[in-house]
């Protein structure tokens, strides 16, 4: 039971870290000096994707990046 609890705590901390990095990157840009303190640890597939994916086929959603389809 303790092992499962520790796993849950570690996974929650890692999820918090990942969300914090995404928010900082979105707020200050990808080349911000603040990101030196927050390593991103992206996979090669994630590096190829744009930061903001446009909403396709969703009513009321405006595209955030012109030219990305």
N, C-alpha and C. Protein backbone atom coordinates (compact mmCIF):
# COMPACT_ATOMS: atom_id res chain seq x y z
N UNK A 1 0.82 -1.18 0.00
CA UNK A 1 0.00 0.00 0.00
C UNK A 1 0.87 1.26 0.00
N UNK A 2 1.97 1.21 0.77
CA UNK A 2 2.85 2.38 0.81
C UNK A 2 3.52 2.61 -0.53
N UNK A 3 3.89 1.54 -1.22
CA UNK A 3 4.52 1.70 -2.53
C UNK A 3 3.57 2.37 -3.51
N UNK A 4 2.31 1.99 -3.49
CA UNK A 4 1.32 2.61 -4.38
C UNK A 4 1.12 4.07 -4.02
N UNK A 5 1.13 4.39 -2.74
CA UNK A 5 0.98 5.78 -2.32
C UNK A 5 2.16 6.63 -2.77
N UNK A 6 3.38 6.10 -2.62
CA UNK A 6 4.55 6.85 -3.06
C UNK A 6 4.57 7.01 -4.58
N UNK A 7 4.15 5.99 -5.29
CA UNK A 7 4.06 6.09 -6.75
C UNK A 7 3.06 7.18 -7.13
N UNK A 8 1.94 7.23 -6.45
CA UNK A 8 0.91 8.24 -6.73
C UNK A 8 1.46 9.65 -6.47
N UNK A 9 2.18 9.82 -5.39
CA UNK A 9 2.75 11.13 -5.06
C UNK A 9 3.78 11.54 -6.11
N UNK A 10 4.66 10.64 -6.49
CA UNK A 10 5.69 10.96 -7.49
C UNK A 10 5.05 11.28 -8.83
N UNK A 11 4.04 10.53 -9.23
CA UNK A 11 3.40 10.81 -10.51
C UNK A 11 2.67 12.15 -10.48
N UNK A 12 2.09 12.52 -9.35
CA UNK A 12 1.43 13.82 -9.22
C UNK A 12 2.45 14.96 -9.32
N UNK A 13 3.60 14.78 -8.70
CA UNK A 13 4.65 15.81 -8.78
C UNK A 13 5.16 15.96 -10.21
N UNK A 14 5.36 14.85 -10.90
CA UNK A 14 5.82 14.92 -12.29
C UNK A 14 4.76 15.56 -13.20
N UNK A 15 3.51 15.27 -12.96
CA UNK A 15 2.44 15.89 -13.74
C UNK A 15 2.39 17.40 -13.48
N UNK A 16 2.55 17.80 -12.22
CA UNK A 16 2.58 19.22 -11.89
C UNK A 16 3.75 19.91 -12.60
N UNK A 17 4.91 19.25 -12.60
CA UNK A 17 6.09 19.81 -13.26
C UNK A 17 5.83 20.02 -14.75
N UNK A 18 5.27 19.02 -15.40
CA UNK A 18 5.02 19.10 -16.84
C UNK A 18 4.05 20.23 -17.17
N UNK A 19 2.99 20.37 -16.39
CA UNK A 19 2.02 21.44 -16.63
C UNK A 19 2.65 22.81 -16.37
N UNK A 20 3.47 22.92 -15.34
CA UNK A 20 4.15 24.18 -15.05
C UNK A 20 5.05 24.58 -16.20
N UNK A 21 5.78 23.63 -16.75
CA UNK A 21 6.67 23.92 -17.88
C UNK A 21 5.87 24.39 -19.09
N UNK A 22 4.76 23.72 -19.38
CA UNK A 22 3.94 24.13 -20.52
C UNK A 22 3.37 25.53 -20.32
N UNK A 23 2.92 25.85 -19.11
CA UNK A 23 2.37 27.18 -18.86
C UNK A 23 3.44 28.27 -18.96
N UNK A 24 4.61 28.00 -18.42
CA UNK A 24 5.70 28.99 -18.50
C UNK A 24 6.12 29.18 -19.95
N UNK A 25 6.21 28.09 -20.70
CA UNK A 25 6.60 28.19 -22.10
C UNK A 25 5.56 28.96 -22.92
N UNK A 26 4.30 28.72 -22.65
CA UNK A 26 3.24 29.42 -23.38
C UNK A 26 3.21 30.90 -23.00
N UNK A 27 3.46 31.22 -21.74
CA UNK A 27 3.38 32.60 -21.28
C UNK A 27 4.58 33.43 -21.71
N UNK A 28 5.78 32.86 -21.67
CA UNK A 28 6.99 33.64 -21.91
C UNK A 28 7.70 33.29 -23.21
N UNK A 29 7.23 32.31 -23.94
CA UNK A 29 7.86 31.94 -25.21
C UNK A 29 8.87 30.82 -25.03
N UNK A 30 9.20 30.18 -26.16
CA UNK A 30 10.08 29.02 -26.12
C UNK A 30 11.54 29.34 -25.85
N UNK A 31 11.97 30.56 -26.08
CA UNK A 31 13.37 30.93 -25.88
C UNK A 31 13.58 31.80 -24.65
N UNK A 32 12.66 31.75 -23.73
CA UNK A 32 12.73 32.57 -22.54
C UNK A 32 13.84 32.09 -21.60
N UNK A 33 14.55 33.02 -20.94
CA UNK A 33 15.58 32.59 -19.97
C UNK A 33 14.97 31.89 -18.75
N UNK A 34 13.69 32.05 -18.51
CA UNK A 34 13.05 31.38 -17.39
C UNK A 34 13.06 29.86 -17.60
N UNK A 35 13.00 29.43 -18.85
CA UNK A 35 12.95 28.00 -19.14
C UNK A 35 14.26 27.28 -18.85
N UNK A 36 15.33 28.02 -18.55
CA UNK A 36 16.57 27.37 -18.13
C UNK A 36 16.37 26.60 -16.84
N UNK A 37 15.46 27.08 -15.99
CA UNK A 37 15.21 26.46 -14.70
C UNK A 37 14.18 25.34 -14.78
N UNK A 38 13.50 25.23 -15.93
CA UNK A 38 12.46 24.22 -16.12
C UNK A 38 12.77 23.37 -17.34
N UNK A 39 13.53 22.31 -17.22
CA UNK A 39 13.76 21.44 -18.38
C UNK A 39 12.46 20.80 -18.83
N UNK A 40 12.31 20.62 -20.13
CA UNK A 40 11.02 20.22 -20.68
C UNK A 40 10.91 18.70 -20.83
N UNK A 41 11.97 18.00 -21.19
CA UNK A 41 11.96 16.55 -21.37
C UNK A 41 10.91 16.12 -22.40
N UNK A 42 11.01 16.64 -23.61
CA UNK A 42 10.06 16.28 -24.67
C UNK A 42 10.55 15.09 -25.46
N UNK A 43 9.61 14.30 -25.96
CA UNK A 43 9.93 13.19 -26.84
C UNK A 43 10.16 13.73 -28.25
N UNK A 44 10.82 12.97 -29.13
CA UNK A 44 11.05 13.46 -30.50
C UNK A 44 9.75 13.77 -31.25
N UNK A 45 8.69 13.03 -30.98
CA UNK A 45 7.41 13.31 -31.65
C UNK A 45 6.85 14.64 -31.18
N UNK A 46 6.98 14.94 -29.90
CA UNK A 46 6.48 16.21 -29.37
C UNK A 46 7.27 17.40 -29.90
N UNK A 47 8.55 17.21 -30.18
CA UNK A 47 9.37 18.31 -30.69
C UNK A 47 8.93 18.74 -32.08
N UNK A 48 8.35 17.83 -32.85
CA UNK A 48 7.93 18.15 -34.22
C UNK A 48 6.59 18.88 -34.27
N UNK A 49 5.78 18.74 -33.26
CA UNK A 49 4.44 19.32 -33.26
C UNK A 49 4.48 20.80 -32.89
N UNK A 50 3.50 21.57 -33.40
CA UNK A 50 3.42 22.98 -32.99
C UNK A 50 2.98 23.09 -31.53
N UNK A 51 3.26 24.24 -30.90
CA UNK A 51 2.90 24.42 -29.50
C UNK A 51 1.39 24.48 -29.31
N UNK A 52 0.70 25.14 -30.24
CA UNK A 52 -0.75 25.27 -30.14
C UNK A 52 -1.37 24.57 -31.34
N UNK A 53 -2.20 23.58 -31.08
CA UNK A 53 -2.87 22.87 -32.16
C UNK A 53 -4.21 23.55 -32.45
N UNK A 54 -4.49 23.83 -33.71
CA UNK A 54 -5.77 24.49 -34.03
C UNK A 54 -6.94 23.55 -33.83
N UNK A 55 -8.06 24.11 -33.44
CA UNK A 55 -9.27 23.32 -33.28
C UNK A 55 -9.94 23.12 -34.62
N UNK A 56 -10.00 21.91 -35.09
CA UNK A 56 -10.60 21.62 -36.39
C UNK A 56 -11.93 20.91 -36.18
N UNK A 57 -12.96 21.42 -36.83
CA UNK A 57 -14.26 20.78 -36.73
C UNK A 57 -14.98 21.01 -35.42
N UNK A 58 -14.53 21.96 -34.64
CA UNK A 58 -15.18 22.25 -33.37
C UNK A 58 -15.92 23.58 -33.50
N UNK A 59 -17.20 23.61 -33.21
CA UNK A 59 -17.94 24.86 -33.36
C UNK A 59 -17.49 25.93 -32.36
N UNK A 60 -17.32 27.14 -32.85
CA UNK A 60 -16.93 28.24 -32.00
C UNK A 60 -15.46 28.35 -31.68
N UNK A 61 -14.62 27.50 -32.28
CA UNK A 61 -13.19 27.52 -32.01
C UNK A 61 -12.48 28.23 -33.16
N UNK A 62 -11.70 29.24 -32.83
CA UNK A 62 -10.92 29.95 -33.84
C UNK A 62 -9.53 29.38 -33.89
N UNK A 63 -8.95 29.32 -35.05
CA UNK A 63 -7.61 28.78 -35.20
C UNK A 63 -6.58 29.73 -34.58
N UNK A 64 -5.65 29.18 -33.82
CA UNK A 64 -4.66 29.98 -33.14
C UNK A 64 -3.41 30.23 -33.95
N UNK A 65 -3.11 29.38 -34.94
CA UNK A 65 -1.90 29.52 -35.73
C UNK A 65 -2.29 29.53 -37.22
N UNK A 66 -2.18 30.68 -37.87
CA UNK A 66 -2.53 30.72 -39.29
C UNK A 66 -1.57 29.87 -40.12
N UNK A 67 -2.12 29.12 -41.03
CA UNK A 67 -1.30 28.30 -41.92
C UNK A 67 -1.03 26.91 -41.42
N UNK A 68 -1.40 26.58 -40.18
CA UNK A 68 -1.19 25.24 -39.66
C UNK A 68 -2.51 24.49 -39.76
N UNK A 69 -2.53 23.45 -40.59
CA UNK A 69 -3.76 22.66 -40.75
C UNK A 69 -3.44 21.21 -40.58
